[in-house]
């Protein structure tokens, strides 16, 4: 018996335009809920972006966002594995000292 469905977002759940069939998914999500099946999008996207994409229904999903470093369910984070801000700033400072032209993106 299936109890959990985990899916990647980009190129799997979402189409090439970054969207999905909302009407169909609403029906499927309702059927999953009736059968006690949990849905969990897993993505490198930020949790907030996933909630924005999936709308109000996302409150009942397990969202594995930020490359699974943050897991949210029913409006609260149940797991977070984040770098301390001071460590992140130290890494950025070290990268800034690398010679040559480069771009540093920190999230």
PDB file of N, CA and C in Angstrom:
ATOM      1  N   UNK A   1       0.829  -1.172   0.000  1.00  0.00           N
ATOM      2  CA  UNK A   1       0.000   0.000   0.000  1.00  0.00           C
ATOM      3  C   UNK A   1       0.883   1.248   0.000  1.00  0.00           C
ATOM      4  N   UNK A   2       0.603   2.196  -0.851  1.00  0.00           N
ATOM      5  CA  UNK A   2       1.375   3.435  -0.958  1.00  0.00           C
ATOM      6  C   UNK A   2       0.955   4.387   0.156  1.00  0.00           C
ATOM      7  N   UNK A   3       1.934   4.938   0.868  1.00  0.00           N
ATOM      8  CA  UNK A   3       1.662   5.893   1.946  1.00  0.00           C
ATOM      9  C   UNK A   3       2.295   7.255   1.693  1.00  0.00           C
ATOM     10  N   UNK A   4       3.298   7.304   0.812  1.00  0.00           N
ATOM     11  CA  UNK A   4       4.025   8.552   0.574  1.00  0.00           C
ATOM     12  C   UNK A   4       4.465   8.615  -0.879  1.00  0.00           C
ATOM     13  N   UNK A   5       4.232   9.763  -1.507  1.00  0.00           N
ATOM     14  CA  UNK A   5       4.717  10.008  -2.867  1.00  0.00           C
ATOM     15  C   UNK A   5       5.639  11.215  -2.803  1.00  0.00           C
ATOM     16  N   UNK A   6       6.897  11.023  -3.184  1.00  0.00           N
ATOM     17  CA  UNK A   6       7.890  12.093  -3.217  1.00  0.00           C
ATOM     18  C   UNK A   6       8.231  12.352  -4.679  1.00  0.00           C
ATOM     19  N   UNK A   7       8.241  13.616  -5.066  1.00  0.00           N
ATOM     20  CA  UNK A   7       8.579  13.950  -6.447  1.00  0.00           C
ATOM     21  C   UNK A   7       9.514  15.142  -6.511  1.00  0.00           C
ATOM     22  N   UNK A   8      10.387  15.123  -7.476  1.00  0.00           N
ATOM     23  CA  UNK A   8      11.191  16.289  -7.828  1.00  0.00           C
ATOM     24  C   UNK A   8      10.239  17.297  -8.469  1.00  0.00           C
ATOM     25  N   UNK A   9      10.603  18.550  -8.469  1.00  0.00           N
ATOM     26  CA  UNK A   9       9.728  19.567  -9.063  1.00  0.00           C
ATOM     27  C   UNK A   9      10.083  19.832 -10.534  1.00  0.00           C
ATOM     28  N   UNK A  10      11.243  20.432 -10.775  1.00  0.00           N
ATOM     29  CA  UNK A  10      11.619  20.847 -12.130  1.00  0.00           C
ATOM     30  C   UNK A  10      11.849  19.666 -13.049  1.00  0.00           C
ATOM     31  N   UNK A  11      11.129  19.646 -14.159  1.00  0.00           N
ATOM     32  CA  UNK A  11      11.302  18.597 -15.156  1.00  0.00           C
ATOM     33  C   UNK A  11      10.602  17.295 -14.810  1.00  0.00           C
ATOM     34  N   UNK A  12      10.001  17.219 -13.640  1.00  0.00           N
ATOM     35  CA  UNK A  12       9.265  16.018 -13.238  1.00  0.00           C
ATOM     36  C   UNK A  12       7.822  16.393 -12.951  1.00  0.00           C
ATOM     37  N   UNK A  13       7.588  17.071 -11.839  1.00  0.00           N
ATOM     38  CA  UNK A  13       6.234  17.516 -11.499  1.00  0.00           C
ATOM     39  C   UNK A  13       5.843  18.738 -12.330  1.00  0.00           C
ATOM     40  N   UNK A  14       6.773  19.664 -12.476  1.00  0.00           N
ATOM     41  CA  UNK A  14       6.507  20.884 -13.246  1.00  0.00           C
ATOM     42  C   UNK A  14       6.865  20.679 -14.707  1.00  0.00           C
ATOM     43  N   UNK A  15       6.104  21.287 -15.592  1.00  0.00           N
ATOM     44  CA  UNK A  15       6.400  21.188 -17.018  1.00  0.00           C
ATOM     45  C   UNK A  15       7.519  22.162 -17.404  1.00  0.00           C
ATOM     46  N   UNK A  16       7.821  22.268 -18.677  1.00  0.00           N
ATOM     47  CA  UNK A  16       8.928  23.101 -19.146  1.00  0.00           C
ATOM     48  C   UNK A  16       8.695  24.591 -18.903  1.00  0.00           C
ATOM     49  N   UNK A  17       7.454  24.971 -18.606  1.00  0.00           N
ATOM     50  CA  UNK A  17       7.145  26.369 -18.302  1.00  0.00           C
ATOM     51  C   UNK A  17       7.117  26.622 -16.788  1.00  0.00           C
ATOM     52  N   UNK A  18       7.466  25.610 -16.002  1.00  0.00           N
ATOM     53  CA  UNK A  18       7.481  25.748 -14.551  1.00  0.00           C
ATOM     54  C   UNK A  18       6.089  25.744 -13.936  1.00  0.00           C
ATOM     55  N   UNK A  19       5.154  25.091 -14.606  1.00  0.00           N
ATOM     56  CA  UNK A  19       3.765  25.050 -14.145  1.00  0.00           C
ATOM     57  C   UNK A  19       3.284  23.602 -14.156  1.00  0.00           C
ATOM     58  N   UNK A  20       2.045  23.381 -13.738  1.00  0.00           N
ATOM     59  CA  UNK A  20       1.465  22.036 -13.718  1.00  0.00           C
ATOM     60  C   UNK A  20      -0.038  22.148 -13.933  1.00  0.00           C
ATOM     61  N   UNK A  21      -0.673  21.037 -14.203  1.00  0.00           N
ATOM     62  CA  UNK A  21      -2.116  21.000 -14.424  1.00  0.00           C
ATOM     63  C   UNK A  21      -2.802  21.091 -13.062  1.00  0.00           C
ATOM     64  N   UNK A  22      -3.204  22.291 -12.705  1.00  0.00           N
ATOM     65  CA  UNK A  22      -3.746  22.552 -11.372  1.00  0.00           C
ATOM     66  C   UNK A  22      -5.060  21.808 -11.107  1.00  0.00           C
ATOM     67  N   UNK A  23      -5.938  21.776 -12.097  1.00  0.00           N
ATOM     68  CA  UNK A  23      -7.225  21.090 -11.917  1.00  0.00           C
ATOM     69  C   UNK A  23      -7.012  19.592 -11.687  1.00  0.00           C
ATOM     70  N   UNK A  24      -6.181  18.988 -12.519  1.00  0.00           N
ATOM     71  CA  UNK A  24      -5.904  17.555 -12.371  1.00  0.00           C
ATOM     72  C   UNK A  24      -5.233  17.273 -11.032  1.00  0.00           C
ATOM     73  N   UNK A  25      -4.251  18.085 -10.677  1.00  0.00           N
ATOM     74  CA  UNK A  25      -3.546  17.840  -9.427  1.00  0.00           C
ATOM     75  C   UNK A  25      -4.467  18.008  -8.217  1.00  0.00           C
ATOM     76  N   UNK A  26      -5.388  18.943  -8.273  1.00  0.00           N
ATOM     77  CA  UNK A  26      -6.345  19.124  -7.187  1.00  0.00           C
ATOM     78  C   UNK A  26      -7.159  17.848  -6.973  1.00  0.00           C
ATOM     79  N   UNK A  27      -7.577  17.232  -8.067  1.00  0.00           N
ATOM     80  CA  UNK A  27      -8.318  15.965  -7.989  1.00  0.00           C
ATOM     81  C   UNK A  27      -7.442  14.860  -7.404  1.00  0.00           C
ATOM     82  N   UNK A  28      -6.209  14.782  -7.890  1.00  0.00           N
ATOM     83  CA  UNK A  28      -5.288  13.742  -7.425  1.00  0.00           C
ATOM     84  C   UNK A  28      -4.959  13.948  -5.946  1.00  0.00           C
ATOM     85  N   UNK A  29      -4.719  15.197  -5.540  1.00  0.00           N
ATOM     86  CA  UNK A  29      -4.402  15.492  -4.142  1.00  0.00           C
ATOM     87  C   UNK A  29      -5.573  15.114  -3.234  1.00  0.00           C
ATOM     88  N   UNK A  30      -6.773  15.375  -3.686  1.00  0.00           N
ATOM     89  CA  UNK A  30      -7.962  15.010  -2.922  1.00  0.00           C
ATOM     90  C   UNK A  30      -8.061  13.487  -2.772  1.00  0.00           C
ATOM     91  N   UNK A  31      -7.827  12.780  -3.858  1.00  0.00           N
ATOM     92  CA  UNK A  31      -7.871  11.310  -3.821  1.00  0.00           C
ATOM     93  C   UNK A  31      -6.781  10.757  -2.901  1.00  0.00           C
ATOM     94  N   UNK A  32      -5.578  11.349  -2.958  1.00  0.00           N
ATOM     95  CA  UNK A  32      -4.496  10.899  -2.079  1.00  0.00           C
ATOM     96  C   UNK A  32      -4.882  11.103  -0.615  1.00  0.00           C
ATOM     97  N   UNK A  33      -5.445  12.262  -0.301  1.00  0.00           N
ATOM     98  CA  UNK A  33      -5.830  12.565   1.074  1.00  0.00           C
ATOM     99  C   UNK A  33      -6.890  11.570   1.577  1.00  0.00           C
ATOM    100  N   UNK A  34      -7.839  11.253   0.731  1.00  0.00           N
ATOM    101  CA  UNK A  34      -8.882  10.301   1.110  1.00  0.00           C
ATOM    102  C   UNK A  34      -8.316   8.917   1.407  1.00  0.00           C
ATOM    103  N   UNK A  35      -7.217   8.580   0.728  1.00  0.00           N
ATOM    104  CA  UNK A  35      -6.609   7.257   0.905  1.00  0.00           C
ATOM    105  C   UNK A  35      -5.468   7.262   1.925  1.00  0.00           C
ATOM    106  N   UNK A  36      -5.224   8.430   2.542  1.00  0.00           N
ATOM    107  CA  UNK A  36      -4.158   8.522   3.541  1.00  0.00           C
ATOM    108  C   UNK A  36      -2.762   8.526   2.950  1.00  0.00           C
ATOM    109  N   UNK A  37      -2.650   8.960   1.702  1.00  0.00           N
ATOM    110  CA  UNK A  37      -1.347   9.034   1.032  1.00  0.00           C
ATOM    111  C   UNK A  37      -0.805  10.455   1.178  1.00  0.00           C
ATOM    112  N   UNK A  38       0.425  10.565   1.660  1.00  0.00           N
ATOM    113  CA  UNK A  38       1.067  11.869   1.814  1.00  0.00           C
ATOM    114  C   UNK A  38       1.806  12.233   0.533  1.00  0.00           C
ATOM    115  N   UNK A  39       1.880  13.534   0.251  1.00  0.00           N
ATOM    116  CA  UNK A  39       2.578  14.040  -0.928  1.00  0.00           C
ATOM    117  C   UNK A  39       3.728  14.919  -0.461  1.00  0.00           C
ATOM    118  N   UNK A  40       4.898  14.741  -1.073  1.00  0.00           N
ATOM    119  CA  UNK A  40       6.078  15.501  -0.670  1.00  0.00           C
ATOM    120  C   UNK A  40       6.884  15.944  -1.881  1.00  0.00           C
ATOM    121  N   UNK A  41       6.759  17.206  -2.274  1.00  0.00           N
ATOM    122  CA  UNK A  41       7.657  17.717  -3.297  1.00  0.00           C
ATOM    123  C   UNK A  41       9.050  17.898  -2.688  1.00  0.00           C
ATOM    124  N   UNK A  42      10.066  17.476  -3.410  1.00  0.00           N
ATOM    125  CA  UNK A  42      11.454  17.569  -2.955  1.00  0.00           C
ATOM    126  C   UNK A  42      12.231  18.323  -4.018  1.00  0.00           C
ATOM    127  N   UNK A  43      12.872  19.431  -3.624  1.00  0.00           N
ATOM    128  CA  UNK A  43      13.448  20.314  -4.629  1.00  0.00           C
ATOM    129  C   UNK A  43      14.558  21.190  -4.067  1.00  0.00           C
ATOM    130  N   UNK A  44      15.327  21.744  -4.950  1.00  0.00           N
ATOM    131  CA  UNK A  44      16.314  22.744  -4.567  1.00  0.00           C
ATOM    132  C   UNK A  44      15.677  24.105  -4.369  1.00  0.00           C
ATOM    133  N   UNK A  45      14.436  24.244  -4.795  1.00  0.00           N
ATOM    134  CA  UNK A  45      13.724  25.512  -4.619  1.00  0.00           C
ATOM    135  C   UNK A  45      13.523  25.797  -3.132  1.00  0.00           C
ATOM    136  N   UNK A  46      13.383  27.076  -2.807  1.00  0.00           N
ATOM    137  CA  UNK A  46      13.086  27.447  -1.436  1.00  0.00           C
ATOM    138  C   UNK A  46      11.672  27.001  -1.075  1.00  0.00           C
ATOM    139  N   UNK A  47      11.483  26.637   0.179  1.00  0.00           N
ATOM    140  CA  UNK A  47      10.185  26.170   0.660  1.00  0.00           C
ATOM    141  C   UNK A  47       9.092  27.194   0.342  1.00  0.00           C
ATOM    142  N   UNK A  48       9.386  28.472   0.562  1.00  0.00           N
ATOM    143  CA  UNK A  48       8.397  29.522   0.294  1.00  0.00           C
ATOM    144  C   UNK A  48       7.956  29.511  -1.167  1.00  0.00           C
ATOM    145  N   UNK A  49       8.878  29.260  -2.063  1.00  0.00           N
ATOM    146  CA  UNK A  49       8.542  29.220  -3.500  1.00  0.00           C
ATOM    147  C   UNK A  49       7.636  28.027  -3.799  1.00  0.00           C
ATOM    148  N   UNK A  50       7.900  26.885  -3.178  1.00  0.00           N
ATOM    149  CA  UNK A  50       7.056  25.705  -3.379  1.00  0.00           C
ATOM    150  C   UNK A  50       5.644  25.994  -2.881  1.00  0.00           C
ATOM    151  N   UNK A  51       5.534  26.619  -1.720  1.00  0.00           N
ATOM    152  CA  UNK A  51       4.219  26.976  -1.182  1.00  0.00           C
ATOM    153  C   UNK A  51       3.489  27.930  -2.125  1.00  0.00           C
ATOM    154  N   UNK A  52       4.230  28.855  -2.694  1.00  0.00           N
ATOM    155  CA  UNK A  52       3.652  29.802  -3.653  1.00  0.00           C
ATOM    156  C   UNK A  52       3.144  29.073  -4.898  1.00  0.00           C
ATOM    157  N   UNK A  53       3.924  28.134  -5.395  1.00  0.00           N
ATOM    158  CA  UNK A  53       3.540  27.374  -6.591  1.00  0.00           C
ATOM    159  C   UNK A  53       2.314  26.492  -6.353  1.00  0.00           C
ATOM    160  N   UNK A  54       2.273  25.823  -5.207  1.00  0.00           N
ATOM    161  CA  UNK A  54       1.224  24.844  -4.950  1.00  0.00           C
ATOM    162  C   UNK A  54       0.002  25.429  -4.251  1.00  0.00           C
ATOM    163  N   UNK A  55       0.104  26.636  -3.760  1.00  0.00           N
ATOM    164  CA  UNK A  55      -1.050  27.301  -3.148  1.00  0.00           C
ATOM    165  C   UNK A  55      -1.440  26.709  -1.807  1.00  0.00           C
ATOM    166  N   UNK A  56      -2.700  26.927  -1.453  1.00  0.00           N
ATOM    167  CA  UNK A  56      -3.205  26.536  -0.135  1.00  0.00           C
ATOM    168  C   UNK A  56      -3.086  25.044   0.138  1.00  0.00           C
ATOM    169  N   UNK A  57      -3.167  24.234  -0.905  1.00  0.00           N
ATOM    170  CA  UNK A  57      -3.065  22.778  -0.711  1.00  0.00           C
ATOM    171  C   UNK A  57      -1.727  22.365  -0.108  1.00  0.00           C
ATOM    172  N   UNK A  58      -0.699  23.186  -0.326  1.00  0.00           N
ATOM    173  CA  UNK A  58       0.637  22.819   0.148  1.00  0.00           C
ATOM    174  C   UNK A  58       0.710  22.709   1.672  1.00  0.00           C
ATOM    175  N   UNK A  59      -0.242  23.294   2.385  1.00  0.00           N
ATOM    176  CA  UNK A  59      -0.225  23.227   3.850  1.00  0.00           C
ATOM    177  C   UNK A  59      -0.297  21.785   4.352  1.00  0.00           C
ATOM    178  N   UNK A  60      -0.881  20.901   3.562  1.00  0.00           N
ATOM    179  CA  UNK A  60      -1.010  19.498   3.971  1.00  0.00           C
ATOM    180  C   UNK A  60       0.125  18.616   3.468  1.00  0.00           C
ATOM    181  N   UNK A  61       1.020  19.177   2.671  1.00  0.00           N
ATOM    182  CA  UNK A  61       2.112  18.393   2.096  1.00  0.00           C
ATOM    183  C   UNK A  61       3.350  18.461   2.988  1.00  0.00           C
ATOM    184  N   UNK A  62       4.213  17.492   2.819  1.00  0.00           N
ATOM    185  CA  UNK A  62       5.557  17.539   3.382  1.00  0.00           C
ATOM    186  C   UNK A  62       6.402  18.211   2.307  1.00  0.00           C
ATOM    187  N   UNK A  63       6.948  19.378   2.578  1.00  0.00           N
ATOM    188  CA  UNK A  63       7.754  20.088   1.578  1.00  0.00           C
ATOM    189  C   UNK A  63       9.222  19.939   1.960  1.00  0.00           C
ATOM    190  N   UNK A  64       9.970  19.273   1.091  1.00  0.00           N
ATOM    191  CA  UNK A  64      11.409  19.106   1.274  1.00  0.00           C
ATOM    192  C   UNK A  64      12.068  20.101   0.334  1.00  0.00           C
ATOM    193  N   UNK A  65      12.354  21.287   0.847  1.00  0.00           N
ATOM    194  CA  UNK A  65      12.877  22.362   0.011  1.00  0.00           C
ATOM    195  C   UNK A  65      14.313  22.702   0.338  1.00  0.00           C
ATOM    196  N   UNK A  66      14.817  23.709  -0.379  1.00  0.00           N
ATOM    197  CA  UNK A  66      16.191  24.173  -0.168  1.00  0.00           C
ATOM    198  C   UNK A  66      17.163  22.988  -0.229  1.00  0.00           C
ATOM    199  N   UNK A  67      16.993  22.144  -1.251  1.00  0.00           N
ATOM    200  CA  UNK A  67      17.803  20.929  -1.428  1.00  0.00           C
ATOM    201  C   UNK A  67      17.704  20.001  -0.217  1.00  0.00           C
ATOM    202  N   UNK A  68      16.500  19.906   0.322  1.00  0.00           N
ATOM    203  CA  UNK A  68      16.160  19.042   1.464  1.00  0.00           C
ATOM    204  C   UNK A  68      16.868  19.444   2.755  1.00  0.00           C
ATOM    205  N   UNK A  69      17.329  20.686   2.848  1.00  0.00           N
ATOM    206  CA  UNK A  69      17.900  21.160   4.110  1.00  0.00           C
ATOM    207  C   UNK A  69      16.822  21.753   5.010  1.00  0.00           C
ATOM    208  N   UNK A  70      15.606  21.902   4.469  1.00  0.00           N
ATOM    209  CA  UNK A  70      14.476  22.396   5.254  1.00  0.00           C
ATOM    210  C   UNK A  70      13.241  21.565   4.903  1.00  0.00           C
ATOM    211  N   UNK A  71      12.582  21.036   5.917  1.00  0.00           N
ATOM    212  CA  UNK A  71      11.365  20.247   5.709  1.00  0.00           C
ATOM    213  C   UNK A  71      10.242  20.913   6.492  1.00  0.00           C
ATOM    214  N   UNK A  72       9.153  21.195   5.794  1.00  0.00           N
ATOM    215  CA  UNK A  72       8.021  21.887   6.410  1.00  0.00           C
ATOM    216  C   UNK A  72       6.762  21.051   6.241  1.00  0.00           C
ATOM    217  N   UNK A  73       5.958  21.019   7.300  1.00  0.00           N
ATOM    218  CA  UNK A  73       4.689  20.297   7.265  1.00  0.00           C
ATOM    219  C   UNK A  73       3.692  21.026   8.146  1.00  0.00           C
ATOM    220  N   UNK A  74       2.511  21.262   7.587  1.00  0.00           N
ATOM    221  CA  UNK A  74       1.433  21.939   8.315  1.00  0.00           C
ATOM    222  C   UNK A  74       1.876  23.263   8.936  1.00  0.00           C
ATOM    223  N   UNK A  75       2.606  24.041   8.133  1.00  0.00           N
ATOM    224  CA  UNK A  75       2.960  25.396   8.547  1.00  0.00           C
ATOM    225  C   UNK A  75       4.154  25.550   9.452  1.00  0.00           C
ATOM    226  N   UNK A  76       4.817  24.452   9.789  1.00  0.00           N
ATOM    227  CA  UNK A  76       5.999  24.599  10.648  1.00  0.00           C
ATOM    228  C   UNK A  76       7.147  23.736  10.139  1.00  0.00           C
ATOM    229  N   UNK A  77       8.347  24.244  10.376  1.00  0.00           N
ATOM    230  CA  UNK A  77       9.535  23.498   9.985  1.00  0.00           C
ATOM    231  C   UNK A  77       9.756  22.368  10.982  1.00  0.00           C
ATOM    232  N   UNK A  78       9.830  21.150  10.462  1.00  0.00           N
ATOM    233  CA  UNK A  78      10.090  19.991  11.315  1.00  0.00           C
ATOM    234  C   UNK A  78      11.564  19.581  11.264  1.00  0.00           C
ATOM    235  N   UNK A  79      12.297  20.161  10.307  1.00  0.00           N
ATOM    236  CA  UNK A  79      13.728  19.885  10.186  1.00  0.00           C
ATOM    237  C   UNK A  79      14.383  21.035   9.441  1.00  0.00           C
ATOM    238  N   UNK A  80      15.539  21.463   9.956  1.00  0.00           N
ATOM    239  CA  UNK A  80      16.355  22.458   9.256  1.00  0.00           C
ATOM    240  C   UNK A  80      17.821  22.145   9.509  1.00  0.00           C
ATOM    241  N   UNK A  81      18.603  22.181   8.466  1.00  0.00           N
ATOM    242  CA  UNK A  81      20.048  22.001   8.582  1.00  0.00           C
ATOM    243  C   UNK A  81      20.692  23.169   7.847  1.00  0.00           C
ATOM    244  N   UNK A  82      20.901  24.237   8.572  1.00  0.00           N
ATOM    245  CA  UNK A  82      21.374  25.476   7.964  1.00  0.00           C
ATOM    246  C   UNK A  82      22.769  25.831   8.468  1.00  0.00           C
ATOM    247  N   UNK A  83      23.526  26.524   7.617  1.00  0.00           N
ATOM    248  CA  UNK A  83      24.821  27.048   8.043  1.00  0.00           C
ATOM    249  C   UNK A  83      24.590  28.254   8.950  1.00  0.00           C
ATOM    250  N   UNK A  84      25.425  28.407   9.959  1.00  0.00           N
ATOM    251  CA  UNK A  84      25.361  29.620  10.763  1.00  0.00           C
ATOM    252  C   UNK A  84      25.779  30.789   9.882  1.00  0.00           C
ATOM    253  N   UNK A  85      25.149  31.930  10.096  1.00  0.00           N
ATOM    254  CA  UNK A  85      25.418  33.108   9.278  1.00  0.00           C
ATOM    255  C   UNK A  85      26.908  33.465   9.285  1.00  0.00           C
ATOM    256  N   UNK A  86      27.554  33.367  10.436  1.00  0.00           N
ATOM    257  CA  UNK A  86      28.977  33.715  10.537  1.00  0.00           C
ATOM    258  C   UNK A  86      29.833  32.799   9.656  1.00  0.00           C
ATOM    259  N   UNK A  87      29.481  31.515   9.589  1.00  0.00           N
ATOM    260  CA  UNK A  87      30.220  30.588   8.734  1.00  0.00           C
ATOM    261  C   UNK A  87      29.990  30.922   7.266  1.00  0.00           C
ATOM    262  N   UNK A  88      28.759  31.222   6.900  1.00  0.00           N
ATOM    263  CA  UNK A  88      28.453  31.612   5.525  1.00  0.00           C
ATOM    264  C   UNK A  88      29.229  32.845   5.108  1.00  0.00           C
ATOM    265  N   UNK A  89      29.280  33.843   5.979  1.00  0.00           N
ATOM    266  CA  UNK A  89      30.029  35.070   5.674  1.00  0.00           C
ATOM    267  C   UNK A  89      31.523  34.794   5.555  1.00  0.00           C
ATOM    268  N   UNK A  90      32.043  33.897   6.384  1.00  0.00           N
ATOM    269  CA  UNK A  90      33.461  33.530   6.300  1.00  0.00           C
ATOM    270  C   UNK A  90      33.771  32.835   4.974  1.00  0.00           C
ATOM    271  N   UNK A  91      32.873  31.970   4.528  1.00  0.00           N
ATOM    272  CA  UNK A  91      33.057  31.285   3.241  1.00  0.00           C
ATOM    273  C   UNK A  91      33.042  32.296   2.105  1.00  0.00           C
ATOM    274  N   UNK A  92      32.092  33.226   2.139  1.00  0.00           N
ATOM    275  CA  UNK A  92      32.008  34.254   1.095  1.00  0.00           C
ATOM    276  C   UNK A  92      33.272  35.108   1.089  1.00  0.00           C
ATOM    277  N   UNK A  93      33.758  35.487   2.264  1.00  0.00           N
ATOM    278  CA  UNK A  93      34.987  36.292   2.346  1.00  0.00           C
ATOM    279  C   UNK A  93      36.172  35.535   1.755  1.00  0.00           C
ATOM    280  N   UNK A  94      36.271  34.247   2.041  1.00  0.00           N
ATOM    281  CA  UNK A  94      37.352  33.427   1.494  1.00  0.00           C
ATOM    282  C   UNK A  94      37.255  33.346  -0.031  1.00  0.00           C
ATOM    283  N   UNK A  95      36.054  33.149  -0.553  1.00  0.00           N
ATOM    284  CA  UNK A  95      35.862  33.086  -2.004  1.00  0.00           C
ATOM    285  C   UNK A  95      36.185  34.413  -2.672  1.00  0.00           C
ATOM    286  N   UNK A  96      35.915  35.509  -1.991  1.00  0.00           N
ATOM    287  CA  UNK A  96      36.208  36.837  -2.551  1.00  0.00           C
ATOM    288  C   UNK A  96      37.708  37.045  -2.728  1.00  0.00           C
ATOM    289  N   UNK A  97      38.514  36.315  -1.982  1.00  0.00           N
ATOM    290  CA  UNK A  97      39.977  36.451  -2.086  1.00  0.00           C
ATOM    291  C   UNK A  97      40.576  35.601  -3.209  1.00  0.00           C
ATOM    292  N   UNK A  98      39.780  34.759  -3.831  1.00  0.00           N
ATOM    293  CA  UNK A  98      40.283  33.921  -4.922  1.00  0.00           C
ATOM    294  C   UNK A  98      40.560  34.820  -6.118  1.00  0.00           C
ATOM    295  N   UNK A  99      41.783  34.752  -6.682  1.00  0.00           N
ATOM    296  CA  UNK A  99      42.120  35.628  -7.810  1.00  0.00           C
ATOM    297  C   UNK A  99      41.322  35.286  -9.076  1.00  0.00           C
ATOM    298  N   UNK A 100      41.157  36.274  -9.937  1.00  0.00           N
ATOM    299  CA  UNK A 100      40.437  36.081 -11.180  1.00  0.00           C
ATOM    300  C   UNK A 100      39.016  36.609 -11.058  1.00  0.00           C
ATOM    301  N   UNK A 101      38.340  36.656 -12.179  1.00  0.00           N
ATOM    302  CA  UNK A 101      36.967  37.155 -12.111  1.00  0.00           C
ATOM    303  C   UNK A 101      36.028  35.979 -11.905  1.00  0.00           C
ATOM    304  N   UNK A 102      35.132  36.133 -10.999  1.00  0.00           N
ATOM    305  CA  UNK A 102      34.165  35.091 -10.694  1.00  0.00           C
ATOM    306  C   UNK A 102      32.933  35.724 -10.060  1.00  0.00           C
ATOM    307  N   UNK A 103      31.891  34.970  -9.975  1.00  0.00           N
ATOM    308  CA  UNK A 103      30.650  35.421  -9.357  1.00  0.00           C
ATOM    309  C   UNK A 103      30.361  34.506  -8.188  1.00  0.00           C
ATOM    310  N   UNK A 104      30.044  35.079  -7.045  1.00  0.00           N
ATOM    311  CA  UNK A 104      29.675  34.293  -5.882  1.00  0.00           C
ATOM    312  C   UNK A 104      28.189  34.496  -5.608  1.00  0.00           C
ATOM    313  N   UNK A 105      27.458  33.404  -5.538  1.00  0.00           N
ATOM    314  CA  UNK A 105      26.052  33.448  -5.207  1.00  0.00           C
ATOM    315  C   UNK A 105      25.875  32.692  -3.903  1.00  0.00           C
ATOM    316  N   UNK A 106      25.325  33.357  -2.906  1.00  0.00           N
ATOM    317  CA  UNK A 106      25.112  32.717  -1.611  1.00  0.00           C
ATOM    318  C   UNK A 106      23.635  32.745  -1.270  1.00  0.00           C
ATOM    319  N   UNK A 107      23.090  31.579  -0.959  1.00  0.00           N
ATOM    320  CA  UNK A 107      21.675  31.480  -0.597  1.00  0.00           C
ATOM    321  C   UNK A 107      21.555  30.844   0.764  1.00  0.00           C
TER     322      UNK A 107
END
